[in-house]
Each structure stands twice: as C-alpha cells, then as structure tokens.
Amino acid sequence: MRTIILTAIFPRNDNLAVMPTINKINDNLSRFADGKKIRFLNVNDKLADKDGRLFDGMSKDKTASYGQGLPGLGGRFETDLYRTAGATGQDRPRSATHR
C-alpha cells in the first residue's frame, strides 16, 4: 500500500502575526490524515519554540528552514518521517545523513 505523507507548513519569522494562521492551517491539514493512506507529519516543534520563533540557525532570512538548521534536523526529520510512514527498521534505506 502506498502512503501519502502530508507535511505541515513550517513556521516563518518574518511576520510572527501569521503563526496563528499557520497553526490553524496545520490543524486542518492534520484532519486529512487517516493513519493509513494519508499520514500527517509536523516537525515544527523541532524548528521553533511554542510561539513559533525559529531556533537559532534554522533560517537565514526568517522565512525558510535551510542553512545549518536543516541538515542538523535531517536525521530527526527522517526518523519522524519513517515513523509517520509506519516503516520498520528494515524498510528504511540508508540515507546521506547516515553514511
């Protein structure tokens, strides 16, 4: 069976006033997940604090997660991704982050 992984919209700090809207959209997106064919993945707690402020190093322009933040997040994101997809250890390919 194929699974669609629907990911949350990442936080952005160029205008923190939009964080409630992003959170509401993510809540609505999560409702599409049925746990079988569609799964929802939200790693925002690994990118930002509870108020949506990106952790240091997660962004260079306050709008996108890249730079030193995303590669550092890679292994944790990958773990969450496979857990969300329901993959077992033997199903997981070796990625660039684990070579």
C-alpha atoms as a PDB file:
ATOM      1  CA  MET A   1       0.000   0.000   0.000  1.00  0.00           C
ATOM      2  CA  ARG A   2       1.284   3.463  -0.851  1.00  0.00           C
ATOM      3  CA  THR A   3       1.172   6.216   1.714  1.00  0.00           C
ATOM      4  CA  ILE A   4       0.968   9.961   1.200  1.00  0.00           C
ATOM      5  CA  ILE A   5       2.966  11.976   3.725  1.00  0.00           C
ATOM      6  CA  LEU A   6       1.363  15.371   4.176  1.00  0.00           C
ATOM      7  CA  THR A   7       3.745  17.780   5.895  1.00  0.00           C
ATOM      8  CA  ALA A   8       2.897  20.798   7.991  1.00  0.00           C
ATOM      9  CA  ILE A   9       3.639  24.326   6.858  1.00  0.00           C
ATOM     10  CA  PHE A  10       6.890  25.404   8.508  1.00  0.00           C
ATOM     11  CA  PRO A  11       6.975  28.405  10.855  1.00  0.00           C
ATOM     12  CA  ARG A  12       8.253  31.695   9.479  1.00  0.00           C
ATOM     13  CA  ASN A  13       9.541  34.601  11.483  1.00  0.00           C
ATOM     14  CA  ASP A  14       9.301  37.460   9.023  1.00  0.00           C
ATOM     15  CA  ASN A  15       5.840  38.146  10.484  1.00  0.00           C
ATOM     16  CA  LEU A  16       5.026  36.276  13.702  1.00  0.00           C
ATOM     17  CA  ALA A  17       1.440  37.530  13.466  1.00  0.00           C
ATOM     18  CA  VAL A  18       0.806  34.840  10.808  1.00  0.00           C
ATOM     19  CA  MET A  19       1.731  31.979  13.161  1.00  0.00           C
ATOM     20  CA  PRO A  20      -1.839  31.508  14.429  1.00  0.00           C
ATOM     21  CA  THR A  21      -2.941  31.179  10.795  1.00  0.00           C
ATOM     22  CA  ILE A  22      -0.180  28.676  10.036  1.00  0.00           C
ATOM     23  CA  ASN A  23      -1.126  26.686  13.137  1.00  0.00           C
ATOM     24  CA  LYS A  24      -4.808  26.695  12.130  1.00  0.00           C
ATOM     25  CA  ILE A  25      -3.940  25.518   8.596  1.00  0.00           C
ATOM     26  CA  ASN A  26      -1.755  22.766  10.037  1.00  0.00           C
ATOM     27  CA  ASP A  27      -4.584  21.681  12.351  1.00  0.00           C
ATOM     28  CA  ASN A  28      -6.894  21.484   9.337  1.00  0.00           C
ATOM     29  CA  LEU A  29      -4.287  19.615   7.260  1.00  0.00           C
ATOM     30  CA  SER A  30      -3.863  17.057  10.031  1.00  0.00           C
ATOM     31  CA  ARG A  31      -7.546  16.145   9.666  1.00  0.00           C
ATOM     32  CA  PHE A  32      -6.872  14.733   6.197  1.00  0.00           C
ATOM     33  CA  ALA A  33      -4.729  12.031   7.757  1.00  0.00           C
ATOM     34  CA  ASP A  34      -6.442   8.707   8.179  1.00  0.00           C
ATOM     35  CA  GLY A  35      -3.337   6.978   9.558  1.00  0.00           C
ATOM     36  CA  LYS A  36      -3.214   4.544   6.659  1.00  0.00           C
ATOM     37  CA  LYS A  37      -3.263   6.075   3.186  1.00  0.00           C
ATOM     38  CA  ILE A  38      -2.576   9.630   4.350  1.00  0.00           C
ATOM     39  CA  ARG A  39      -0.301  10.486   7.253  1.00  0.00           C
ATOM     40  CA  PHE A  40       0.493  13.912   8.644  1.00  0.00           C
ATOM     41  CA  LEU A  41       4.000  14.949   9.693  1.00  0.00           C
ATOM     42  CA  ASN A  42       4.612  18.071  11.733  1.00  0.00           C
ATOM     43  CA  VAL A  43       8.214  18.705  12.843  1.00  0.00           C
ATOM     44  CA  ASN A  44       7.635  22.342  13.750  1.00  0.00           C
ATOM     45  CA  ASP A  45       8.494  21.656  17.396  1.00  0.00           C
ATOM     46  CA  LYS A  46      11.979  20.768  16.175  1.00  0.00           C
ATOM     47  CA  LEU A  47      12.245  24.003  14.167  1.00  0.00           C
ATOM     48  CA  ALA A  48      10.741  26.561  16.545  1.00  0.00           C
ATOM     49  CA  ASP A  49       9.631  27.224  20.091  1.00  0.00           C
ATOM     50  CA  LYS A  50       5.983  27.062  21.221  1.00  0.00           C
ATOM     51  CA  ASP A  51       5.400  30.630  19.998  1.00  0.00           C
ATOM     52  CA  GLY A  52       6.692  29.797  16.514  1.00  0.00           C
ATOM     53  CA  ARG A  53      10.056  31.568  16.842  1.00  0.00           C
ATOM     54  CA  LEU A  54      12.616  29.642  14.828  1.00  0.00           C
ATOM     55  CA  PHE A  55      15.522  28.262  16.823  1.00  0.00           C
ATOM     56  CA  ASP A  56      18.909  29.842  16.165  1.00  0.00           C
ATOM     57  CA  GLY A  57      20.465  28.654  12.915  1.00  0.00           C
ATOM     58  CA  MET A  58      17.209  27.399  11.376  1.00  0.00           C
ATOM     59  CA  SER A  59      16.910  30.231   8.875  1.00  0.00           C
ATOM     60  CA  LYS A  60      18.962  32.924   7.220  1.00  0.00           C
ATOM     61  CA  ASP A  61      16.016  35.033   6.077  1.00  0.00           C
ATOM     62  CA  LYS A  62      13.382  34.190   8.750  1.00  0.00           C
ATOM     63  CA  THR A  63      11.121  32.528   6.173  1.00  0.00           C
ATOM     64  CA  ALA A  64      12.676  29.204   5.226  1.00  0.00           C
ATOM     65  CA  SER A  65      14.409  26.421   7.066  1.00  0.00           C
ATOM     66  CA  TYR A  66      17.770  25.921   5.492  1.00  0.00           C
ATOM     67  CA  GLY A  67      21.398  26.608   6.180  1.00  0.00           C
ATOM     68  CA  GLN A  68      22.886  24.883   9.195  1.00  0.00           C
ATOM     69  CA  GLY A  69      19.453  24.181  10.655  1.00  0.00           C
ATOM     70  CA  LEU A  70      18.008  21.826   8.086  1.00  0.00           C
ATOM     71  CA  PRO A  71      20.995  19.483   7.729  1.00  0.00           C
ATOM     72  CA  GLY A  72      21.142  19.255  11.525  1.00  0.00           C
ATOM     73  CA  LEU A  73      17.461  18.446  11.548  1.00  0.00           C
ATOM     74  CA  GLY A  74      17.824  15.848   8.789  1.00  0.00           C
ATOM     75  CA  GLY A  75      18.263  12.787  10.957  1.00  0.00           C
ATOM     76  CA  ARG A  76      15.445  13.749  13.327  1.00  0.00           C
ATOM     77  CA  PHE A  77      13.169  14.624  10.408  1.00  0.00           C
ATOM     78  CA  GLU A  78      13.985  11.341   8.712  1.00  0.00           C
ATOM     79  CA  THR A  79      13.205   9.396  11.891  1.00  0.00           C
ATOM     80  CA  ASP A  80       9.846  11.154  12.232  1.00  0.00           C
ATOM     81  CA  LEU A  81       9.152  10.648   8.533  1.00  0.00           C
ATOM     82  CA  TYR A  82       9.697   6.892   8.700  1.00  0.00           C
ATOM     83  CA  ARG A  83       7.754   6.613  11.954  1.00  0.00           C
ATOM     84  CA  THR A  84       4.883   8.538  10.361  1.00  0.00           C
ATOM     85  CA  ALA A  85       5.003   6.296   7.301  1.00  0.00           C
ATOM     86  CA  GLY A  86       4.910   3.243   9.548  1.00  0.00           C
ATOM     87  CA  ALA A  87       8.183   1.874   8.176  1.00  0.00           C
ATOM     88  CA  THR A  88      10.132  -0.658  10.180  1.00  0.00           C
ATOM     89  CA  GLY A  89      13.902  -0.547  10.561  1.00  0.00           C
ATOM     90  CA  GLN A  90      14.402  -2.999   7.716  1.00  0.00           C
ATOM     91  CA  ASP A  91      12.263  -0.817   5.409  1.00  0.00           C
ATOM     92  CA  ARG A  92      14.488   2.228   5.889  1.00  0.00           C
ATOM     93  CA  PRO A  93      17.036   2.972   3.186  1.00  0.00           C
ATOM     94  CA  ARG A  94      20.417   4.282   4.269  1.00  0.00           C
ATOM     95  CA  SER A  95      20.429   7.991   3.592  1.00  0.00           C
ATOM     96  CA  ALA A  96      23.136  10.557   3.070  1.00  0.00           C
ATOM     97  CA  THR A  97      22.727  11.643   6.697  1.00  0.00           C
ATOM     98  CA  HIS A  98      23.746   8.183   7.889  1.00  0.00           C
ATOM     99  CA  ARG A  99      26.702   7.482   5.580  1.00  0.00           C
END
